[in-house]
């Protein structure tokens, strides 16, 4: 799918260079040490959940996000809905979004 800029009036969702990073601590007390050292020393490993995601959804379009477990589908949806903030990039939502991300969880453990 090619990325073609469209006038903002026609867009429902516009993502440009969206990234999400998480800090993974090996031990619980490393989180405390990170706060004490205030960035002078790093006690975490950075995990990139999303890296440079860019796409547009026009008004009236239907979009499906598919991928393996751990690919970042739920993270991306949470960023679009506004329940999680992105580490970098720009997210524009034109309209109202209802977050029903976990509605189907628990029905069948075979499905993601």
PDB file of N, CA and C in Angstrom:
ATOM      1  N   UNK A   1       0.845  -1.167   0.000  1.00  0.00           N
ATOM      2  CA  UNK A   1       0.000   0.000   0.000  1.00  0.00           C
ATOM      3  C   UNK A   1       0.891   1.231   0.000  1.00  0.00           C
ATOM      4  N   UNK A   2       0.657   2.130  -0.912  1.00  0.00           N
ATOM      5  CA  UNK A   2       1.488   3.334  -1.010  1.00  0.00           C
ATOM      6  C   UNK A   2       0.928   4.435  -0.117  1.00  0.00           C
ATOM      7  N   UNK A   3       1.813   5.301   0.312  1.00  0.00           N
ATOM      8  CA  UNK A   3       1.446   6.411   1.189  1.00  0.00           C
ATOM      9  C   UNK A   3       1.301   7.652   0.342  1.00  0.00           C
ATOM     10  N   UNK A   4       0.063   8.104   0.169  1.00  0.00           N
ATOM     11  CA  UNK A   4      -0.214   9.315  -0.594  1.00  0.00           C
ATOM     12  C   UNK A   4      -0.905  10.320   0.309  1.00  0.00           C
ATOM     13  N   UNK A   5      -0.299  11.477   0.534  1.00  0.00           N
ATOM     14  CA  UNK A   5      -0.947  12.479   1.389  1.00  0.00           C
ATOM     15  C   UNK A   5      -2.303  12.895   0.825  1.00  0.00           C
ATOM     16  N   UNK A   6      -3.294  13.019   1.695  1.00  0.00           N
ATOM     17  CA  UNK A   6      -4.654  13.386   1.324  1.00  0.00           C
ATOM     18  C   UNK A   6      -5.045  14.592   2.167  1.00  0.00           C
ATOM     19  N   UNK A   7      -5.949  15.397   1.655  1.00  0.00           N
ATOM     20  CA  UNK A   7      -6.438  16.535   2.431  1.00  0.00           C
ATOM     21  C   UNK A   7      -7.009  16.059   3.755  1.00  0.00           C
ATOM     22  N   UNK A   8      -6.755  16.798   4.830  1.00  0.00           N
ATOM     23  CA  UNK A   8      -7.190  16.399   6.162  1.00  0.00           C
ATOM     24  C   UNK A   8      -8.700  16.270   6.293  1.00  0.00           C
ATOM     25  N   UNK A   9      -9.473  16.936   5.460  1.00  0.00           N
ATOM     26  CA  UNK A   9     -10.933  16.849   5.535  1.00  0.00           C
ATOM     27  C   UNK A   9     -11.425  15.444   5.191  1.00  0.00           C
ATOM     28  N   UNK A  10     -10.690  14.721   4.345  1.00  0.00           N
ATOM     29  CA  UNK A  10     -11.101  13.387   3.914  1.00  0.00           C
ATOM     30  C   UNK A  10     -10.616  12.288   4.841  1.00  0.00           C
ATOM     31  N   UNK A  11      -9.724  12.594   5.786  1.00  0.00           N
ATOM     32  CA  UNK A  11      -9.101  11.575   6.617  1.00  0.00           C
ATOM     33  C   UNK A  11      -9.847  11.359   7.925  1.00  0.00           C
ATOM     34  N   UNK A  12      -9.984  10.092   8.293  1.00  0.00           N
ATOM     35  CA  UNK A  12     -10.507   9.744   9.613  1.00  0.00           C
ATOM     36  C   UNK A  12      -9.338   9.550  10.573  1.00  0.00           C
ATOM     37  N   UNK A  13      -8.269   8.886  10.092  1.00  0.00           N
ATOM     38  CA  UNK A  13      -7.077   8.619  10.908  1.00  0.00           C
ATOM     39  C   UNK A  13      -5.848   8.881  10.064  1.00  0.00           C
ATOM     40  N   UNK A  14      -4.871   9.573  10.643  1.00  0.00           N
ATOM     41  CA  UNK A  14      -3.610   9.850   9.962  1.00  0.00           C
ATOM     42  C   UNK A  14      -2.470   9.586  10.947  1.00  0.00           C
ATOM     43  N   UNK A  15      -1.599   8.630  10.619  1.00  0.00           N
ATOM     44  CA  UNK A  15      -0.438   8.319  11.436  1.00  0.00           C
ATOM     45  C   UNK A  15       0.816   8.603  10.623  1.00  0.00           C
ATOM     46  N   UNK A  16       1.763   9.297  11.236  1.00  0.00           N
ATOM     47  CA  UNK A  16       3.027   9.614  10.564  1.00  0.00           C
ATOM     48  C   UNK A  16       4.189   9.293  11.486  1.00  0.00           C
ATOM     49  N   UNK A  17       4.976   8.281  11.136  1.00  0.00           N
ATOM     50  CA  UNK A  17       6.188   7.938  11.869  1.00  0.00           C
ATOM     51  C   UNK A  17       5.962   7.564  13.321  1.00  0.00           C
ATOM     52  N   UNK A  18       4.878   6.866  13.602  1.00  0.00           N
ATOM     53  CA  UNK A  18       4.534   6.519  14.987  1.00  0.00           C
ATOM     54  C   UNK A  18       5.447   5.407  15.501  1.00  0.00           C
ATOM     55  N   UNK A  19       6.014   5.630  16.684  1.00  0.00           N
ATOM     56  CA  UNK A  19       6.862   4.657  17.357  1.00  0.00           C
ATOM     57  C   UNK A  19       6.388   4.507  18.803  1.00  0.00           C
ATOM     58  N   UNK A  20       6.558   3.316  19.350  1.00  0.00           N
ATOM     59  CA  UNK A  20       6.259   3.086  20.765  1.00  0.00           C
ATOM     60  C   UNK A  20       7.369   2.223  21.347  1.00  0.00           C
ATOM     61  N   UNK A  21       8.004   2.745  22.393  1.00  0.00           N
ATOM     62  CA  UNK A  21       9.090   2.057  23.074  1.00  0.00           C
ATOM     63  C   UNK A  21       8.676   1.777  24.504  1.00  0.00           C
ATOM     64  N   UNK A  22       9.061   0.624  25.022  1.00  0.00           N
ATOM     65  CA  UNK A  22       8.825   0.267  26.410  1.00  0.00           C
ATOM     66  C   UNK A  22      10.167   0.023  27.088  1.00  0.00           C
ATOM     67  N   UNK A  23      10.258   0.376  28.364  1.00  0.00           N
ATOM     68  CA  UNK A  23      11.456   0.112  29.155  1.00  0.00           C
ATOM     69  C   UNK A  23      11.240  -1.191  29.912  1.00  0.00           C
ATOM     70  N   UNK A  24      12.094  -2.178  29.650  1.00  0.00           N
ATOM     71  CA  UNK A  24      11.992  -3.489  30.281  1.00  0.00           C
ATOM     72  C   UNK A  24      13.096  -3.597  31.337  1.00  0.00           C
ATOM     73  N   UNK A  25      12.680  -3.786  32.589  1.00  0.00           N
ATOM     74  CA  UNK A  25      13.615  -3.903  33.703  1.00  0.00           C
ATOM     75  C   UNK A  25      13.808  -5.366  34.062  1.00  0.00           C
ATOM     76  N   UNK A  26      15.060  -5.774  34.287  1.00  0.00           N
ATOM     77  CA  UNK A  26      15.367  -7.161  34.615  1.00  0.00           C
ATOM     78  C   UNK A  26      14.884  -7.512  36.021  1.00  0.00           C
ATOM     79  N   UNK A  27      15.048  -6.570  36.959  1.00  0.00           N
ATOM     80  CA  UNK A  27      14.633  -6.785  38.343  1.00  0.00           C
ATOM     81  C   UNK A  27      13.805  -5.591  38.808  1.00  0.00           C
ATOM     82  N   UNK A  28      12.841  -5.819  39.714  1.00  0.00           N
ATOM     83  CA  UNK A  28      11.980  -4.709  40.165  1.00  0.00           C
ATOM     84  C   UNK A  28      12.735  -3.518  40.763  1.00  0.00           C
ATOM     85  N   UNK A  29      13.815  -3.780  41.498  1.00  0.00           N
ATOM     86  CA  UNK A  29      14.536  -2.666  42.118  1.00  0.00           C
ATOM     87  C   UNK A  29      15.306  -1.820  41.101  1.00  0.00           C
ATOM     88  N   UNK A  30      15.484  -2.322  39.885  1.00  0.00           N
ATOM     89  CA  UNK A  30      16.155  -1.536  38.831  1.00  0.00           C
ATOM     90  C   UNK A  30      15.317  -0.311  38.453  1.00  0.00           C
ATOM     91  N   UNK A  31      14.002  -0.417  38.569  1.00  0.00           N
ATOM     92  CA  UNK A  31      13.120   0.717  38.282  1.00  0.00           C
ATOM     93  C   UNK A  31      13.374   1.841  39.295  1.00  0.00           C
ATOM     94  N   UNK A  32      13.557   1.477  40.549  1.00  0.00           N
ATOM     95  CA  UNK A  32      13.873   2.455  41.591  1.00  0.00           C
ATOM     96  C   UNK A  32      15.247   3.090  41.343  1.00  0.00           C
ATOM     97  N   UNK A  33      16.236   2.254  41.011  1.00  0.00           N
ATOM     98  CA  UNK A  33      17.582   2.768  40.733  1.00  0.00           C
ATOM     99  C   UNK A  33      17.576   3.725  39.539  1.00  0.00           C
ATOM    100  N   UNK A  34      16.749   3.439  38.538  1.00  0.00           N
ATOM    101  CA  UNK A  34      16.656   4.318  37.370  1.00  0.00           C
ATOM    102  C   UNK A  34      16.170   5.701  37.789  1.00  0.00           C
ATOM    103  N   UNK A  35      15.215   5.738  38.699  1.00  0.00           N
ATOM    104  CA  UNK A  35      14.715   7.015  39.204  1.00  0.00           C
ATOM    105  C   UNK A  35      15.756   7.756  40.030  1.00  0.00           C
ATOM    106  N   UNK A  36      16.538   7.019  40.792  1.00  0.00           N
ATOM    107  CA  UNK A  36      17.573   7.645  41.628  1.00  0.00           C
ATOM    108  C   UNK A  36      18.687   8.237  40.766  1.00  0.00           C
ATOM    109  N   UNK A  37      19.132   7.474  39.759  1.00  0.00           N
ATOM    110  CA  UNK A  37      20.235   7.927  38.906  1.00  0.00           C
ATOM    111  C   UNK A  37      19.789   8.931  37.839  1.00  0.00           C
ATOM    112  N   UNK A  38      18.480   9.063  37.614  1.00  0.00           N
ATOM    113  CA  UNK A  38      17.893  10.050  36.691  1.00  0.00           C
ATOM    114  C   UNK A  38      18.584  10.114  35.324  1.00  0.00           C
ATOM    115  N   UNK A  39      18.771   8.979  34.712  1.00  0.00           N
ATOM    116  CA  UNK A  39      19.299   8.957  33.349  1.00  0.00           C
ATOM    117  C   UNK A  39      20.808   8.928  33.225  1.00  0.00           C
ATOM    118  N   UNK A  40      21.533   9.092  34.334  1.00  0.00           N
ATOM    119  CA  UNK A  40      22.996   9.032  34.261  1.00  0.00           C
ATOM    120  C   UNK A  40      23.462   7.610  34.001  1.00  0.00           C
ATOM    121  N   UNK A  41      22.659   6.634  34.406  1.00  0.00           N
ATOM    122  CA  UNK A  41      22.949   5.224  34.173  1.00  0.00           C
ATOM    123  C   UNK A  41      21.651   4.559  33.741  1.00  0.00           C
ATOM    124  N   UNK A  42      21.745   3.611  32.842  1.00  0.00           N
ATOM    125  CA  UNK A  42      20.548   2.957  32.302  1.00  0.00           C
ATOM    126  C   UNK A  42      20.413   1.558  32.878  1.00  0.00           C
ATOM    127  N   UNK A  43      19.284   1.280  33.521  1.00  0.00           N
ATOM    128  CA  UNK A  43      19.019  -0.015  34.132  1.00  0.00           C
ATOM    129  C   UNK A  43      17.961  -0.808  33.369  1.00  0.00           C
ATOM    130  N   UNK A  44      17.606  -0.384  32.191  1.00  0.00           N
ATOM    131  CA  UNK A  44      16.556  -1.053  31.426  1.00  0.00           C
ATOM    132  C   UNK A  44      17.020  -1.339  30.006  1.00  0.00           C
ATOM    133  N   UNK A  45      16.302  -2.267  29.383  1.00  0.00           N
ATOM    134  CA  UNK A  45      16.483  -2.532  27.953  1.00  0.00           C
ATOM    135  C   UNK A  45      15.289  -1.922  27.252  1.00  0.00           C
ATOM    136  N   UNK A  46      15.526  -1.265  26.139  1.00  0.00           N
ATOM    137  CA  UNK A  46      14.430  -0.632  25.406  1.00  0.00           C
ATOM    138  C   UNK A  46      13.858  -1.632  24.412  1.00  0.00           C
ATOM    139  N   UNK A  47      12.533  -1.796  24.450  1.00  0.00           N
ATOM    140  CA  UNK A  47      11.827  -2.695  23.541  1.00  0.00           C
ATOM    141  C   UNK A  47      10.991  -1.862  22.585  1.00  0.00           C
ATOM    142  N   UNK A  48      11.213  -2.046  21.274  1.00  0.00           N
ATOM    143  CA  UNK A  48      10.436  -1.319  20.262  1.00  0.00           C
ATOM    144  C   UNK A  48       9.200  -2.135  19.896  1.00  0.00           C
ATOM    145  N   UNK A  49       8.046  -1.700  20.377  1.00  0.00           N
ATOM    146  CA  UNK A  49       6.792  -2.377  20.040  1.00  0.00           C
ATOM    147  C   UNK A  49       6.319  -1.957  18.652  1.00  0.00           C
ATOM    148  N   UNK A  50       6.483  -0.668  18.326  1.00  0.00           N
ATOM    149  CA  UNK A  50       6.135  -0.122  17.009  1.00  0.00           C
ATOM    150  C   UNK A  50       7.287   0.745  16.546  1.00  0.00           C
ATOM    151  N   UNK A  51       7.613   0.661  15.269  1.00  0.00           N
ATOM    152  CA  UNK A  51       8.727   1.443  14.747  1.00  0.00           C
ATOM    153  C   UNK A  51       8.360   2.045  13.397  1.00  0.00           C
ATOM    154  N   UNK A  52       8.185   3.356  13.359  1.00  0.00           N
ATOM    155  CA  UNK A  52       7.940   4.130  12.141  1.00  0.00           C
ATOM    156  C   UNK A  52       6.713   3.654  11.359  1.00  0.00           C
ATOM    157  N   UNK A  53       5.551   3.694  11.989  1.00  0.00           N
ATOM    158  CA  UNK A  53       4.290   3.304  11.355  1.00  0.00           C
ATOM    159  C   UNK A  53       3.650   4.542  10.741  1.00  0.00           C
ATOM    160  N   UNK A  54       3.385   4.472   9.440  1.00  0.00           N
ATOM    161  CA  UNK A  54       2.768   5.575   8.711  1.00  0.00           C
ATOM    162  C   UNK A  54       1.653   5.035   7.825  1.00  0.00           C
ATOM    163  N   UNK A  55       0.442   5.518   8.030  1.00  0.00           N
ATOM    164  CA  UNK A  55      -0.663   5.199   7.124  1.00  0.00           C
ATOM    165  C   UNK A  55      -1.812   6.163   7.351  1.00  0.00           C
ATOM    166  N   UNK A  56      -2.754   6.136   6.406  1.00  0.00           N
ATOM    167  CA  UNK A  56      -3.933   6.990   6.469  1.00  0.00           C
ATOM    168  C   UNK A  56      -5.176   6.140   6.233  1.00  0.00           C
ATOM    169  N   UNK A  57      -6.245   6.482   6.931  1.00  0.00           N
ATOM    170  CA  UNK A  57      -7.535   5.843   6.715  1.00  0.00           C
ATOM    171  C   UNK A  57      -8.513   6.951   6.356  1.00  0.00           C
ATOM    172  N   UNK A  58      -9.084   6.846   5.168  1.00  0.00           N
ATOM    173  CA  UNK A  58     -10.057   7.855   4.736  1.00  0.00           C
ATOM    174  C   UNK A  58     -11.411   7.583   5.377  1.00  0.00           C
ATOM    175  N   UNK A  59     -12.229   8.599   5.446  1.00  0.00           N
ATOM    176  CA  UNK A  59     -13.587   8.456   5.978  1.00  0.00           C
ATOM    177  C   UNK A  59     -14.351   7.446   5.129  1.00  0.00           C
ATOM    178  N   UNK A  60     -15.032   6.511   5.785  1.00  0.00           N
ATOM    179  CA  UNK A  60     -15.821   5.499   5.084  1.00  0.00           C
ATOM    180  C   UNK A  60     -15.059   4.230   4.770  1.00  0.00           C
ATOM    181  N   UNK A  61     -13.740   4.209   4.944  1.00  0.00           N
ATOM    182  CA  UNK A  61     -12.948   3.014   4.671  1.00  0.00           C
ATOM    183  C   UNK A  61     -13.019   2.043   5.843  1.00  0.00           C
ATOM    184  N   UNK A  62     -12.875   0.759   5.524  1.00  0.00           N
ATOM    185  CA  UNK A  62     -12.773  -0.291   6.532  1.00  0.00           C
ATOM    186  C   UNK A  62     -11.374  -0.864   6.465  1.00  0.00           C
ATOM    187  N   UNK A  63     -10.738  -1.000   7.625  1.00  0.00           N
ATOM    188  CA  UNK A  63      -9.349  -1.448   7.674  1.00  0.00           C
ATOM    189  C   UNK A  63      -9.230  -2.593   8.660  1.00  0.00           C
ATOM    190  N   UNK A  64      -8.441  -3.594   8.313  1.00  0.00           N
ATOM    191  CA  UNK A  64      -8.135  -4.695   9.223  1.00  0.00           C
ATOM    192  C   UNK A  64      -6.649  -4.689   9.527  1.00  0.00           C
ATOM    193  N   UNK A  65      -6.304  -4.933  10.772  1.00  0.00           N
ATOM    194  CA  UNK A  65      -4.900  -5.010  11.177  1.00  0.00           C
ATOM    195  C   UNK A  65      -4.637  -6.450  11.580  1.00  0.00           C
ATOM    196  N   UNK A  66      -3.773  -7.126  10.838  1.00  0.00           N
ATOM    197  CA  UNK A  66      -3.489  -8.531  11.100  1.00  0.00           C
ATOM    198  C   UNK A  66      -1.994  -8.712  11.338  1.00  0.00           C
ATOM    199  N   UNK A  67      -1.664  -9.744  12.094  1.00  0.00           N
ATOM    200  CA  UNK A  67      -0.262 -10.037  12.379  1.00  0.00           C
ATOM    201  C   UNK A  67      -0.160 -11.088  13.461  1.00  0.00           C
ATOM    202  N   UNK A  68       1.049 -11.540  13.694  1.00  0.00           N
ATOM    203  CA  UNK A  68       1.309 -12.561  14.700  1.00  0.00           C
ATOM    204  C   UNK A  68       1.157 -12.000  16.110  1.00  0.00           C
ATOM    205  N   UNK A  69       1.123 -12.902  17.077  1.00  0.00           N
ATOM    206  CA  UNK A  69       1.113 -12.492  18.480  1.00  0.00           C
ATOM    207  C   UNK A  69       2.369 -11.677  18.766  1.00  0.00           C
ATOM    208  N   UNK A  70       2.199 -10.558  19.439  1.00  0.00           N
ATOM    209  CA  UNK A  70       3.336  -9.716  19.783  1.00  0.00           C
ATOM    210  C   UNK A  70       3.774  -8.776  18.676  1.00  0.00           C
ATOM    211  N   UNK A  71       2.994  -8.688  17.604  1.00  0.00           N
ATOM    212  CA  UNK A  71       3.373  -7.830  16.474  1.00  0.00           C
ATOM    213  C   UNK A  71       3.076  -6.359  16.731  1.00  0.00           C
ATOM    214  N   UNK A  72       2.246  -6.045  17.735  1.00  0.00           N
ATOM    215  CA  UNK A  72       1.938  -4.655  18.057  1.00  0.00           C
ATOM    216  C   UNK A  72       0.559  -4.194  17.618  1.00  0.00           C
ATOM    217  N   UNK A  73      -0.321  -5.114  17.275  1.00  0.00           N
ATOM    218  CA  UNK A  73      -1.665  -4.753  16.816  1.00  0.00           C
ATOM    219  C   UNK A  73      -2.442  -4.006  17.896  1.00  0.00           C
ATOM    220  N   UNK A  74      -2.505  -4.559  19.094  1.00  0.00           N
ATOM    221  CA  UNK A  74      -3.248  -3.922  20.181  1.00  0.00           C
ATOM    222  C   UNK A  74      -2.602  -2.611  20.600  1.00  0.00           C
ATOM    223  N   UNK A  75      -1.293  -2.560  20.600  1.00  0.00           N
ATOM    224  CA  UNK A  75      -0.585  -1.324  20.933  1.00  0.00           C
ATOM    225  C   UNK A  75      -0.943  -0.228  19.941  1.00  0.00           C
ATOM    226  N   UNK A  76      -0.956  -0.562  18.655  1.00  0.00           N
ATOM    227  CA  UNK A  76      -1.317   0.403  17.623  1.00  0.00           C
ATOM    228  C   UNK A  76      -2.750   0.890  17.805  1.00  0.00           C
ATOM    229  N   UNK A  77      -3.680  -0.022  18.077  1.00  0.00           N
ATOM    230  CA  UNK A  77      -5.077   0.361  18.278  1.00  0.00           C
ATOM    231  C   UNK A  77      -5.250   1.230  19.520  1.00  0.00           C
ATOM    232  N   UNK A  78      -4.514   0.926  20.579  1.00  0.00           N
ATOM    233  CA  UNK A  78      -4.593   1.741  21.796  1.00  0.00           C
ATOM    234  C   UNK A  78      -4.066   3.149  21.546  1.00  0.00           C
ATOM    235  N   UNK A  79      -3.034   3.278  20.734  1.00  0.00           N
ATOM    236  CA  UNK A  79      -2.505   4.606  20.399  1.00  0.00           C
ATOM    237  C   UNK A  79      -3.519   5.383  19.565  1.00  0.00           C
ATOM    238  N   UNK A  80      -4.140   4.728  18.603  1.00  0.00           N
ATOM    239  CA  UNK A  80      -5.145   5.401  17.767  1.00  0.00           C
ATOM    240  C   UNK A  80      -6.334   5.839  18.621  1.00  0.00           C
ATOM    241  N   UNK A  81      -6.763   4.999  19.569  1.00  0.00           N
ATOM    242  CA  UNK A  81      -7.908   5.322  20.433  1.00  0.00           C
ATOM    243  C   UNK A  81      -7.575   6.352  21.494  1.00  0.00           C
ATOM    244  N   UNK A  82      -6.311   6.529  21.786  1.00  0.00           N
ATOM    245  CA  UNK A  82      -5.915   7.507  22.787  1.00  0.00           C
ATOM    246  C   UNK A  82      -5.760   6.961  24.193  1.00  0.00           C
ATOM    247  N   UNK A  83      -5.859   5.640  24.373  1.00  0.00           N
ATOM    248  CA  UNK A  83      -5.666   5.053  25.695  1.00  0.00           C
ATOM    249  C   UNK A  83      -4.187   4.861  26.022  1.00  0.00           C
ATOM    250  N   UNK A  84      -3.324   4.984  25.022  1.00  0.00           N
ATOM    251  CA  UNK A  84      -1.867   4.895  25.208  1.00  0.00           C
ATOM    252  C   UNK A  84      -1.243   5.970  24.318  1.00  0.00           C
ATOM    253  N   UNK A  85      -0.172   6.579  24.797  1.00  0.00           N
ATOM    254  CA  UNK A  85       0.478   7.611  23.992  1.00  0.00           C
ATOM    255  C   UNK A  85       1.680   7.034  23.248  1.00  0.00           C
ATOM    256  N   UNK A  86       1.968   7.602  22.120  1.00  0.00           N
ATOM    257  CA  UNK A  86       3.100   7.157  21.311  1.00  0.00           C
ATOM    258  C   UNK A  86       4.396   7.767  21.862  1.00  0.00           C
ATOM    259  N   UNK A  87       5.517   7.098  21.616  1.00  0.00           N
ATOM    260  CA  UNK A  87       6.821   7.618  22.030  1.00  0.00           C
ATOM    261  C   UNK A  87       7.312   8.667  21.052  1.00  0.00           C
ATOM    262  N   UNK A  88       6.970   8.497  19.788  1.00  0.00           N
ATOM    263  CA  UNK A  88       7.371   9.446  18.748  1.00  0.00           C
ATOM    264  C   UNK A  88       6.347   9.401  17.629  1.00  0.00           C
ATOM    265  N   UNK A  89       6.349  10.421  16.793  1.00  0.00           N
ATOM    266  CA  UNK A  89       5.451  10.466  15.654  1.00  0.00           C
ATOM    267  C   UNK A  89       4.216  11.304  15.921  1.00  0.00           C
ATOM    268  N   UNK A  90       3.320  11.289  14.931  1.00  0.00           N
ATOM    269  CA  UNK A  90       2.126  12.126  14.977  1.00  0.00           C
ATOM    270  C   UNK A  90       0.889  11.279  14.696  1.00  0.00           C
ATOM    271  N   UNK A  91      -0.139  11.458  15.539  1.00  0.00           N
ATOM    272  CA  UNK A  91      -1.417  10.756  15.374  1.00  0.00           C
ATOM    273  C   UNK A  91      -2.515  11.796  15.300  1.00  0.00           C
ATOM    274  N   UNK A  92      -3.310  11.770  14.232  1.00  0.00           N
ATOM    275  CA  UNK A  92      -4.454  12.661  14.079  1.00  0.00           C
ATOM    276  C   UNK A  92      -5.699  11.814  13.867  1.00  0.00           C
ATOM    277  N   UNK A  93      -6.710  12.052  14.684  1.00  0.00           N
ATOM    278  CA  UNK A  93      -7.988  11.351  14.554  1.00  0.00           C
ATOM    279  C   UNK A  93      -9.051  12.397  14.330  1.00  0.00           C
ATOM    280  N   UNK A  94      -9.781  12.251  13.248  1.00  0.00           N
ATOM    281  CA  UNK A  94     -10.824  13.186  12.873  1.00  0.00           C
ATOM    282  C   UNK A  94     -12.169  12.502  13.098  1.00  0.00           C
ATOM    283  N   UNK A  95     -12.748  12.703  14.255  1.00  0.00           N
ATOM    284  CA  UNK A  95     -14.015  12.061  14.575  1.00  0.00           C
ATOM    285  C   UNK A  95     -13.945  11.398  15.929  1.00  0.00           C
ATOM    286  N   UNK A  96     -14.853  10.474  16.160  1.00  0.00           N
ATOM    287  CA  UNK A  96     -14.976   9.802  17.449  1.00  0.00           C
ATOM    288  C   UNK A  96     -14.617   8.334  17.293  1.00  0.00           C
ATOM    289  N   UNK A  97     -13.880   7.791  18.268  1.00  0.00           N
ATOM    290  CA  UNK A  97     -13.485   6.383  18.240  1.00  0.00           C
ATOM    291  C   UNK A  97     -13.912   5.738  19.546  1.00  0.00           C
ATOM    292  N   UNK A  98     -14.532   4.554  19.454  1.00  0.00           N
ATOM    293  CA  UNK A  98     -14.891   3.779  20.642  1.00  0.00           C
ATOM    294  C   UNK A  98     -13.907   2.623  20.759  1.00  0.00           C
ATOM    295  N   UNK A  99     -13.297   2.464  21.919  1.00  0.00           N
ATOM    296  CA  UNK A  99     -12.302   1.415  22.134  1.00  0.00           C
ATOM    297  C   UNK A  99     -12.960   0.150  22.650  1.00  0.00           C
ATOM    298  N   UNK A 100     -13.012  -0.872  21.816  1.00  0.00           N
ATOM    299  CA  UNK A 100     -13.547  -2.181  22.193  1.00  0.00           C
ATOM    300  C   UNK A 100     -12.473  -3.238  21.940  1.00  0.00           C
ATOM    301  N   UNK A 101     -11.273  -2.979  22.420  1.00  0.00           N
ATOM    302  CA  UNK A 101     -10.133  -3.835  22.101  1.00  0.00           C
ATOM    303  C   UNK A 101     -10.219  -5.220  22.732  1.00  0.00           C
ATOM    304  N   UNK A 102     -10.697  -5.323  23.946  1.00  0.00           N
ATOM    305  CA  UNK A 102     -10.682  -6.590  24.663  1.00  0.00           C
ATOM    306  C   UNK A 102     -12.053  -7.262  24.690  1.00  0.00           C
ATOM    307  N   UNK A 103     -12.951  -6.862  23.820  1.00  0.00           N
ATOM    308  CA  UNK A 103     -14.307  -7.389  23.817  1.00  0.00           C
ATOM    309  C   UNK A 103     -14.341  -8.897  23.600  1.00  0.00           C
ATOM    310  N   UNK A 104     -13.544  -9.411  22.669  1.00  0.00           N
ATOM    311  CA  UNK A 104     -13.595 -10.829  22.330  1.00  0.00           C
ATOM    312  C   UNK A 104     -12.658 -11.703  23.135  1.00  0.00           C
ATOM    313  N   UNK A 105     -11.898 -11.142  24.033  1.00  0.00           N
ATOM    314  CA  UNK A 105     -10.939 -11.953  24.779  1.00  0.00           C
ATOM    315  C   UNK A 105     -11.662 -12.917  25.707  1.00  0.00           C
ATOM    316  N   UNK A 106     -11.181 -14.128  25.758  1.00  0.00           N
ATOM    317  CA  UNK A 106     -11.764 -15.133  26.628  1.00  0.00           C
ATOM    318  C   UNK A 106     -12.726 -16.071  25.930  1.00  0.00           C
ATOM    319  N   UNK A 107     -13.163 -15.745  24.736  1.00  0.00           N
ATOM    320  CA  UNK A 107     -14.097 -16.621  24.033  1.00  0.00           C
ATOM    321  C   UNK A 107     -13.417 -17.887  23.534  1.00  0.00           C
ATOM    322  N   UNK A 108     -12.281 -17.735  22.871  1.00  0.00           N
ATOM    323  CA  UNK A 108     -11.568 -18.879  22.352  1.00  0.00           C
ATOM    324  C   UNK A 108     -10.063 -18.621  22.466  1.00  0.00           C
ATOM    325  N   UNK A 109      -9.337 -19.395  23.254  1.00  0.00           N
ATOM    326  CA  UNK A 109      -7.905 -19.138  23.440  1.00  0.00           C
ATOM    327  C   UNK A 109      -7.079 -19.394  22.181  1.00  0.00           C
ATOM    328  N   UNK A 110      -7.651 -20.032  21.160  1.00  0.00           N
ATOM    329  CA  UNK A 110      -6.931 -20.274  19.913  1.00  0.00           C
ATOM    330  C   UNK A 110      -6.794 -19.002  19.082  1.00  0.00           C
ATOM    331  N   UNK A 111      -7.682 -18.037  19.288  1.00  0.00           N
ATOM    332  CA  UNK A 111      -7.693 -16.817  18.491  1.00  0.00           C
ATOM    333  C   UNK A 111      -6.989 -15.695  19.233  1.00  0.00           C
ATOM    334  N   UNK A 112      -6.394 -14.764  18.456  1.00  0.00           N
ATOM    335  CA  UNK A 112      -5.751 -13.599  19.063  1.00  0.00           C
ATOM    336  C   UNK A 112      -6.558 -12.366  18.786  1.00  0.00           C
TER     337      UNK A 112
END
